[in-house]
Amino acid sequence: MGKSYEEIKFKLGDTVEQAVNLLLSYKEEGKLVFGKFNGVILYSDEVTMDSAYQEITGITKAEFDESIK
């Protein structure tokens, strides 16, 4: 049987980092949730900071941070 996820909504203006941290807080509580960020679906039990940045921006968080310097 497949996993059952509850949908959460991110706040308007949330950054990728804020979205990932919210998902990880649900993971710590043992809750399966997902949310859509810029059209990309992120799951609490699978997301990492780098995986989210890769899916959303096409680059890792370190590469993203370097690009905005």
N, C-alpha and C. Protein backbone atom coordinates (compact mmCIF):
# COMPACT_ATOMS: atom_id res chain seq x y z
N MET A 1 0.84 -1.18 0.00
CA MET A 1 0.00 0.00 0.00
C MET A 1 0.88 1.24 0.00
N GLY A 2 0.48 2.28 -0.74
CA GLY A 2 1.25 3.51 -0.85
C GLY A 2 1.16 4.36 0.41
N LYS A 3 2.06 5.29 0.48
CA LYS A 3 2.08 6.22 1.61
C LYS A 3 0.95 7.23 1.45
N SER A 4 0.45 7.70 2.58
CA SER A 4 -0.62 8.70 2.57
C SER A 4 -0.06 10.02 3.10
N TYR A 5 -0.03 11.01 2.23
CA TYR A 5 0.52 12.32 2.56
C TYR A 5 -0.59 13.34 2.74
N GLU A 6 -0.37 14.26 3.67
CA GLU A 6 -1.26 15.40 3.85
C GLU A 6 -0.62 16.59 3.12
N GLU A 7 -1.44 17.37 2.42
CA GLU A 7 -0.90 18.53 1.72
C GLU A 7 -0.79 19.72 2.66
N ILE A 8 0.33 20.42 2.57
CA ILE A 8 0.52 21.67 3.30
C ILE A 8 0.71 22.79 2.28
N LYS A 9 0.48 23.98 2.72
CA LYS A 9 0.67 25.16 1.86
C LYS A 9 1.83 25.98 2.43
N PHE A 10 2.70 26.41 1.54
CA PHE A 10 3.76 27.31 1.95
C PHE A 10 3.23 28.73 1.90
N LYS A 11 3.84 29.61 2.70
CA LYS A 11 3.41 31.00 2.72
C LYS A 11 3.95 31.74 1.50
N LEU A 12 3.18 32.67 1.01
CA LEU A 12 3.62 33.52 -0.09
C LEU A 12 4.91 34.21 0.35
N GLY A 13 5.92 34.14 -0.46
CA GLY A 13 7.19 34.77 -0.14
C GLY A 13 8.19 33.85 0.55
N ASP A 14 7.78 32.61 0.88
CA ASP A 14 8.71 31.66 1.48
C ASP A 14 9.86 31.38 0.53
N THR A 15 11.05 31.22 1.08
CA THR A 15 12.21 30.83 0.28
C THR A 15 12.26 29.31 0.20
N VAL A 16 13.11 28.82 -0.68
CA VAL A 16 13.30 27.37 -0.78
C VAL A 16 13.74 26.84 0.58
N GLU A 17 14.67 27.54 1.21
CA GLU A 17 15.18 27.10 2.51
C GLU A 17 14.08 27.04 3.56
N GLN A 18 13.21 28.03 3.61
CA GLN A 18 12.10 28.02 4.57
C GLN A 18 11.15 26.86 4.29
N ALA A 19 10.87 26.60 3.03
CA ALA A 19 9.99 25.49 2.67
C ALA A 19 10.58 24.16 3.09
N VAL A 20 11.86 23.97 2.82
CA VAL A 20 12.52 22.71 3.20
C VAL A 20 12.55 22.56 4.71
N ASN A 21 12.87 23.62 5.42
CA ASN A 21 12.90 23.54 6.89
C ASN A 21 11.53 23.19 7.46
N LEU A 22 10.47 23.71 6.87
CA LEU A 22 9.12 23.37 7.32
C LEU A 22 8.85 21.88 7.08
N LEU A 23 9.19 21.40 5.89
CA LEU A 23 8.99 19.98 5.60
C LEU A 23 9.80 19.10 6.55
N LEU A 24 11.02 19.50 6.84
CA LEU A 24 11.86 18.71 7.73
C LEU A 24 11.33 18.71 9.16
N SER A 25 10.66 19.80 9.56
CA SER A 25 10.06 19.83 10.90
C SER A 25 8.91 18.82 10.99
N TYR A 26 8.16 18.66 9.91
CA TYR A 26 7.11 17.64 9.88
C TYR A 26 7.73 16.25 9.92
N LYS A 27 8.84 16.08 9.21
CA LYS A 27 9.52 14.78 9.19
C LYS A 27 9.96 14.39 10.60
N GLU A 28 10.51 15.36 11.34
CA GLU A 28 10.94 15.11 12.72
C GLU A 28 9.78 14.65 13.60
N GLU A 29 8.58 15.13 13.29
CA GLU A 29 7.38 14.74 14.04
C GLU A 29 6.81 13.41 13.54
N GLY A 30 7.42 12.86 12.49
CA GLY A 30 6.94 11.60 11.93
C GLY A 30 5.72 11.74 11.04
N LYS A 31 5.49 12.96 10.54
CA LYS A 31 4.32 13.21 9.69
C LYS A 31 4.71 13.21 8.22
N LEU A 32 3.87 12.59 7.40
CA LEU A 32 4.08 12.57 5.96
C LEU A 32 3.26 13.70 5.33
N VAL A 33 3.95 14.70 4.83
CA VAL A 33 3.29 15.84 4.18
C VAL A 33 4.01 16.15 2.87
N PHE A 34 3.31 16.90 2.01
CA PHE A 34 3.93 17.40 0.79
C PHE A 34 3.43 18.80 0.55
N GLY A 35 4.22 19.54 -0.20
CA GLY A 35 3.82 20.88 -0.58
C GLY A 35 4.36 21.20 -1.95
N LYS A 36 3.69 22.09 -2.64
CA LYS A 36 4.10 22.53 -3.97
C LYS A 36 4.84 23.85 -3.84
N PHE A 37 6.07 23.88 -4.36
CA PHE A 37 6.87 25.10 -4.35
C PHE A 37 7.28 25.40 -5.78
N ASN A 38 6.80 26.51 -6.32
CA ASN A 38 7.07 26.88 -7.72
C ASN A 38 6.79 25.73 -8.69
N GLY A 39 5.72 25.01 -8.44
CA GLY A 39 5.31 23.93 -9.33
C GLY A 39 5.99 22.60 -9.07
N VAL A 40 6.92 22.55 -8.12
CA VAL A 40 7.63 21.32 -7.79
C VAL A 40 7.06 20.76 -6.49
N ILE A 41 6.70 19.49 -6.51
CA ILE A 41 6.16 18.85 -5.31
C ILE A 41 7.31 18.30 -4.48
N LEU A 42 7.35 18.71 -3.21
CA LEU A 42 8.38 18.28 -2.27
C LEU A 42 7.72 17.47 -1.16
N TYR A 43 8.35 16.35 -0.79
CA TYR A 43 7.80 15.44 0.22
C TYR A 43 8.67 15.48 1.48
N SER A 44 8.02 15.50 2.64
CA SER A 44 8.73 15.63 3.90
C SER A 44 9.70 14.47 4.16
N ASP A 45 9.38 13.28 3.72
CA ASP A 45 10.23 12.13 4.01
C ASP A 45 11.34 11.92 2.99
N GLU A 46 11.37 12.75 1.95
CA GLU A 46 12.38 12.59 0.90
C GLU A 46 13.26 13.81 0.69
N VAL A 47 12.79 14.97 1.12
CA VAL A 47 13.45 16.23 0.78
C VAL A 47 14.77 16.41 1.54
N THR A 48 15.74 16.98 0.83
CA THR A 48 16.96 17.51 1.44
C THR A 48 17.11 18.92 0.88
N MET A 49 17.96 19.71 1.51
CA MET A 49 18.15 21.07 1.03
C MET A 49 18.68 21.05 -0.41
N ASP A 50 19.68 20.22 -0.66
CA ASP A 50 20.26 20.16 -2.00
C ASP A 50 19.28 19.61 -3.03
N SER A 51 18.51 18.58 -2.65
CA SER A 51 17.57 18.01 -3.63
C SER A 51 16.51 19.03 -4.01
N ALA A 52 16.05 19.80 -3.05
CA ALA A 52 15.04 20.83 -3.32
C ALA A 52 15.62 21.91 -4.24
N TYR A 53 16.81 22.40 -3.91
CA TYR A 53 17.43 23.42 -4.76
C TYR A 53 17.66 22.89 -6.16
N GLN A 54 18.11 21.63 -6.28
CA GLN A 54 18.34 21.03 -7.60
C GLN A 54 17.05 20.99 -8.41
N GLU A 55 15.96 20.55 -7.79
CA GLU A 55 14.69 20.42 -8.51
C GLU A 55 14.11 21.78 -8.88
N ILE A 56 14.25 22.76 -7.99
CA ILE A 56 13.60 24.06 -8.19
C ILE A 56 14.45 25.00 -9.04
N THR A 57 15.78 25.04 -8.77
CA THR A 57 16.64 26.00 -9.46
C THR A 57 17.57 25.35 -10.48
N GLY A 58 17.76 24.04 -10.37
CA GLY A 58 18.68 23.35 -11.27
C GLY A 58 20.11 23.32 -10.78
N ILE A 59 20.35 23.92 -9.60
CA ILE A 59 21.69 23.92 -9.01
C ILE A 59 21.60 23.62 -7.51
N THR A 60 22.72 23.23 -6.91
CA THR A 60 22.72 22.93 -5.48
C THR A 60 22.61 24.22 -4.67
N LYS A 61 22.37 24.08 -3.37
CA LYS A 61 22.27 25.26 -2.51
C LYS A 61 23.59 26.02 -2.49
N ALA A 62 24.72 25.30 -2.42
CA ALA A 62 26.03 25.97 -2.40
C ALA A 62 26.23 26.76 -3.70
N GLU A 63 25.85 26.18 -4.83
CA GLU A 63 25.98 26.88 -6.11
C GLU A 63 25.05 28.09 -6.15
N PHE A 64 23.86 27.94 -5.61
CA PHE A 64 22.89 29.05 -5.56
C PHE A 64 23.44 30.18 -4.70
N ASP A 65 23.94 29.83 -3.49
CA ASP A 65 24.51 30.84 -2.59
C ASP A 65 25.67 31.57 -3.26
N GLU A 66 26.51 30.83 -3.98
CA GLU A 66 27.65 31.44 -4.66
C GLU A 66 27.19 32.38 -5.77
N SER A 67 26.11 32.01 -6.46
CA SER A 67 25.63 32.82 -7.58
C SER A 67 25.04 34.15 -7.14
N ILE A 68 24.60 34.25 -5.89
CA ILE A 68 24.01 35.51 -5.43
C ILE A 68 25.03 36.42 -4.72
N LYS A 69 26.25 35.95 -4.61
CA LYS A 69 27.30 36.79 -3.99
C LYS A 69 27.75 37.87 -4.93
